[in-house]
Amino acid sequence: IELVCLAYFLEDEGFGQEMADRIRSGTDLHCDMGMRIAEADRHDSPLGDWTTWTYDIFASCVAGAHGPVWKKTAKEYRTLAKAANFGFPGGLGAGTLIDFAHTSYGVVLTTERAYQLRSLYRENNPAIVRYFEWVGELASDGDFTMIQKHSGRYRGGVSFCNGCNTTFQGMAADGIKEASWLVRKEFYNKDSALFGSRTWLLLHDELLLEVPAYRLHTAAMRASA
């Protein structure tokens, strides 16, 4: 959900629509970035020369359509891509990406590899460069206050990395909170299929509900509406 929010923000604020276009086309952003990393490694990659290979073939390798060896290698590239896709938008540099990749994904990066990923990520997402410049200007005189898009929530004491993160992670957080509130209101509406239900767990971007068994289907349809 964070990358969808990031893509929306980049497009809506005029930084660029490349990421949003990929999402709208059904492209898996991690497969897309993974393929681009594999292309950069084409002379050393066990997957061979990827310059003539397509996104669809890479994605099918991840799904296991070409055997276990191809699946294993493609998934390793996709995991590497996840570290880049989730790390760099928040303002991480090459050095901090090394710690993030190891802590979050168990991926060990050299400094050279981290800088390579940074360059590839920026080449693949030119809008993010303009976005960083914008946040950098906001933070040029020190910490600043960010007004969250749509919710209007104020966040003070924002630094460069906080600012890079809060536009999309904050949007995702505000969105799930609003969704939770809208769903919860219907628990007390006797005319709603969700009447008498309750929230069991809110996990990241998922709401898990307990609902009356005889209204399971209608409650699920209403919650997802």
Protein backbone atom coordinates (compact mmCIF):
# COMPACT_ATOMS: atom_id res chain seq x y z
CA ILE A 1 0.00 0.00 0.00
CA GLU A 2 2.90 2.40 0.68
CA LEU A 3 4.17 2.20 -2.89
CA VAL A 4 0.67 2.84 -4.24
CA CYS A 5 0.47 5.92 -2.02
CA LEU A 6 3.92 7.02 -3.17
CA ALA A 7 2.97 6.58 -6.83
CA TYR A 8 -0.24 8.54 -6.28
CA PHE A 9 1.60 11.37 -4.52
CA LEU A 10 4.29 11.61 -7.20
CA GLU A 11 1.69 11.78 -9.96
CA ASP A 12 -0.79 14.05 -8.21
CA GLU A 13 1.87 16.56 -7.19
CA GLY A 14 3.37 16.67 -10.66
CA PHE A 15 6.67 14.90 -10.05
CA GLY A 16 5.97 12.17 -12.59
CA GLN A 17 3.61 9.29 -13.35
CA GLU A 18 5.96 6.44 -14.32
CA MET A 19 5.35 4.47 -11.13
CA ALA A 20 1.60 5.05 -11.23
CA ASP A 21 1.47 3.91 -14.86
CA ARG A 22 3.25 0.67 -13.95
CA ILE A 23 0.80 -0.02 -11.14
CA ARG A 24 -2.19 0.71 -13.36
CA SER A 25 -0.85 -1.71 -15.97
CA GLY A 26 -0.66 -4.48 -13.36
CA THR A 27 3.13 -4.47 -13.15
CA ASP A 28 4.68 -5.84 -9.97
CA LEU A 29 7.11 -3.07 -9.00
CA HIS A 30 9.50 -5.51 -7.35
CA CYS A 31 9.64 -7.74 -10.44
CA ASP A 32 10.16 -4.67 -12.60
CA MET A 33 13.08 -3.45 -10.48
CA GLY A 34 14.42 -6.99 -10.08
CA MET A 35 14.56 -7.40 -13.84
CA ARG A 36 16.47 -4.13 -14.17
CA ILE A 37 19.02 -5.25 -11.59
CA ALA A 38 19.36 -8.56 -13.44
CA GLU A 39 19.92 -6.62 -16.67
CA ALA A 40 22.77 -4.74 -15.02
CA ASP A 41 24.24 -8.11 -13.95
CA ARG A 42 23.62 -9.78 -17.30
CA HIS A 43 27.24 -10.87 -17.86
CA ASP A 44 27.52 -12.53 -14.45
CA SER A 45 23.92 -13.55 -13.79
CA PRO A 46 23.05 -17.26 -13.78
CA LEU A 47 19.89 -16.22 -15.61
CA GLY A 48 21.89 -15.28 -18.68
CA ASP A 49 21.58 -12.24 -20.92
CA TRP A 50 18.40 -10.47 -19.81
CA THR A 51 18.59 -7.65 -22.32
CA THR A 52 16.24 -9.55 -24.63
CA TRP A 53 13.97 -10.79 -21.84
CA THR A 54 10.70 -9.19 -20.86
CA TYR A 55 9.03 -8.32 -17.60
CA ASP A 56 6.54 -11.14 -18.19
CA ILE A 57 9.30 -13.74 -18.42
CA PHE A 58 10.96 -12.46 -15.26
CA ALA A 59 7.64 -12.55 -13.41
CA SER A 60 6.99 -16.08 -14.68
CA CYS A 61 10.42 -17.12 -13.36
CA VAL A 62 9.48 -15.78 -9.94
CA ALA A 63 6.28 -17.83 -10.14
CA GLY A 64 8.29 -20.97 -10.91
CA ALA A 65 7.22 -21.45 -14.52
CA HIS A 66 10.77 -22.13 -15.71
CA GLY A 67 12.00 -24.46 -13.00
CA PRO A 68 13.46 -24.19 -9.50
CA VAL A 69 16.85 -22.75 -10.45
CA TRP A 70 15.33 -19.87 -12.38
CA LYS A 71 12.74 -19.33 -9.66
CA LYS A 72 15.38 -19.17 -6.90
CA THR A 73 17.56 -16.69 -8.76
CA ALA A 74 14.69 -14.49 -9.91
CA LYS A 75 13.26 -14.37 -6.38
CA GLU A 76 16.67 -13.33 -5.05
CA TYR A 77 16.65 -10.44 -7.50
CA ARG A 78 13.10 -9.57 -6.48
CA THR A 79 14.08 -9.51 -2.81
CA LEU A 80 16.99 -7.24 -3.66
CA ALA A 81 14.52 -5.02 -5.51
CA LYS A 82 12.25 -4.87 -2.45
CA ALA A 83 15.12 -3.52 -0.38
CA ALA A 84 15.64 -0.79 -2.98
CA ASN A 85 11.94 -0.05 -3.54
CA PHE A 86 11.14 0.26 0.16
CA GLY A 87 14.44 1.78 1.27
CA PHE A 88 15.28 4.54 -1.18
CA PRO A 89 11.90 6.37 -1.26
CA GLY A 90 12.30 7.13 2.44
CA GLY A 91 15.51 9.03 1.78
CA LEU A 92 18.02 6.31 2.56
CA GLY A 93 21.47 6.68 1.06
CA ALA A 94 23.67 3.86 -0.15
CA GLY A 95 25.28 3.45 3.28
CA THR A 96 22.04 3.25 5.26
CA LEU A 97 20.55 0.91 2.64
CA ILE A 98 23.21 -1.66 3.58
CA ASP A 99 21.87 -1.83 7.16
CA PHE A 100 18.24 -1.70 6.04
CA ALA A 101 18.65 -4.52 3.50
CA HIS A 102 20.39 -6.77 6.01
CA THR A 103 17.97 -6.07 8.86
CA SER A 104 14.76 -6.23 6.83
CA TYR A 105 15.54 -8.84 4.16
CA GLY A 106 18.72 -10.64 5.20
CA VAL A 107 20.45 -9.28 2.10
CA VAL A 108 24.17 -8.55 2.41
CA LEU A 109 25.32 -5.63 0.25
CA THR A 110 28.74 -4.21 -0.43
CA THR A 111 29.12 -0.45 -0.62
CA GLU A 112 29.68 -0.72 -4.36
CA ARG A 113 26.50 -2.76 -4.79
CA ALA A 114 24.47 -0.32 -2.69
CA TYR A 115 25.59 2.60 -4.85
CA GLN A 116 24.76 0.60 -7.97
CA LEU A 117 21.25 -0.06 -6.67
CA ARG A 118 20.83 3.61 -5.84
CA SER A 119 21.73 4.58 -9.41
CA LEU A 120 19.47 1.92 -10.92
CA TYR A 121 16.56 2.94 -8.71
CA ARG A 122 16.86 6.58 -9.71
CA GLU A 123 17.18 5.72 -13.38
CA ASN A 124 14.05 3.60 -13.15
CA ASN A 125 12.13 6.24 -11.18
CA PRO A 126 13.12 9.73 -12.39
CA ALA A 127 10.19 11.28 -10.53
CA ILE A 128 11.78 10.31 -7.23
CA VAL A 129 14.79 12.53 -7.97
CA ARG A 130 12.53 15.56 -8.37
CA TYR A 131 10.67 14.48 -5.22
CA PHE A 132 13.91 14.37 -3.20
CA GLU A 133 14.83 17.83 -4.46
CA TRP A 134 11.45 19.15 -3.27
CA VAL A 135 11.79 17.61 0.20
CA GLY A 136 15.39 18.83 0.36
CA GLU A 137 14.21 22.39 -0.23
CA LEU A 138 11.64 22.06 2.56
CA ALA A 139 14.33 20.80 4.91
CA SER A 140 17.03 23.26 3.80
CA ASP A 141 16.63 25.45 6.90
CA GLY A 142 16.26 22.56 9.35
CA ASP A 143 13.21 20.70 10.61
CA PHE A 144 9.88 21.76 9.15
CA THR A 145 6.14 21.03 9.44
CA MET A 146 4.43 18.76 6.91
CA ILE A 147 0.68 18.93 6.27
CA GLN A 148 -0.53 15.49 5.30
CA LYS A 149 -2.29 15.26 1.94
CA HIS A 150 -6.06 14.67 2.18
CA SER A 151 -6.26 14.25 5.97
CA GLY A 152 -4.76 17.67 6.68
CA ARG A 153 -2.89 16.23 9.65
CA TYR A 154 0.10 18.27 10.80
CA ARG A 155 3.44 16.63 11.55
CA GLY A 156 6.08 18.82 13.15
CA GLY A 157 9.82 18.39 13.60
CA VAL A 158 10.20 16.82 10.17
CA SER A 159 13.70 16.18 8.81
CA PHE A 160 14.67 15.14 5.28
CA CYS A 161 14.12 11.39 5.77
CA ASN A 162 10.97 11.97 7.85
CA GLY A 163 9.68 14.19 5.08
CA CYS A 164 10.43 11.67 2.36
CA ASN A 165 8.58 8.99 4.34
CA THR A 166 5.61 10.85 5.71
CA THR A 167 4.02 11.85 2.40
CA PHE A 168 3.25 8.23 1.51
CA GLN A 169 3.59 6.24 4.74
CA GLY A 170 1.58 8.89 6.54
CA MET A 171 -1.04 8.79 3.80
CA ALA A 172 -1.29 5.00 4.15
CA ALA A 173 -1.62 5.28 7.94
CA ASP A 174 -4.29 7.95 7.70
CA GLY A 175 -6.14 5.90 5.10
CA ILE A 176 -6.32 2.71 7.14
CA LYS A 177 -7.40 4.67 10.22
CA GLU A 178 -10.20 6.32 8.29
CA ALA A 179 -11.24 2.99 6.77
CA SER A 180 -11.27 1.42 10.23
CA TRP A 181 -13.45 4.23 11.56
CA LEU A 182 -15.90 4.02 8.64
CA VAL A 183 -16.23 0.26 9.06
CA ARG A 184 -16.57 0.51 12.83
CA LYS A 185 -19.44 2.98 12.56
CA GLU A 186 -21.44 0.34 10.75
CA PHE A 187 -21.11 -2.10 13.63
CA TYR A 188 -23.77 0.02 15.39
CA ASN A 189 -26.03 0.60 12.39
CA LYS A 190 -28.92 -1.87 12.50
CA ASP A 191 -29.47 -1.46 8.78
CA SER A 192 -25.90 -2.48 7.92
CA ALA A 193 -24.70 -5.99 7.08
CA LEU A 194 -21.88 -5.27 9.55
CA PHE A 195 -24.21 -4.66 12.48
CA GLY A 196 -23.04 -6.58 15.54
CA SER A 197 -19.56 -7.19 14.12
CA ARG A 198 -16.31 -6.11 15.72
CA THR A 199 -12.72 -5.51 14.71
CA TRP A 200 -10.47 -8.37 15.73
CA LEU A 201 -7.20 -7.04 14.35
CA LEU A 202 -5.87 -4.14 12.31
CA LEU A 203 -2.63 -5.32 10.70
CA HIS A 204 -0.75 -2.99 8.36
CA ASP A 205 -3.34 -2.55 5.57
CA GLU A 206 -5.78 -5.30 6.62
CA LEU A 207 -8.85 -5.23 8.84
CA LEU A 208 -9.79 -8.59 10.32
CA LEU A 209 -13.38 -8.70 11.54
CA GLU A 210 -15.61 -11.01 13.56
CA VAL A 211 -19.07 -11.04 12.03
CA PRO A 212 -22.29 -13.03 12.59
CA ALA A 213 -21.92 -16.31 10.70
CA TYR A 214 -25.27 -16.07 8.93
CA ARG A 215 -24.22 -12.71 7.38
CA LEU A 216 -20.68 -13.71 6.50
CA HIS A 217 -20.92 -13.07 2.76
CA THR A 218 -22.93 -9.85 2.89
CA ALA A 219 -20.74 -8.50 5.69
CA ALA A 220 -17.60 -9.24 3.68
CA MET A 221 -19.05 -7.53 0.61
CA ARG A 222 -20.04 -4.48 2.63
CA ALA A 223 -16.65 -4.21 4.37
CA SER A 224 -14.85 -4.30 1.02
CA ALA A 225 -17.18 -1.79 -0.65
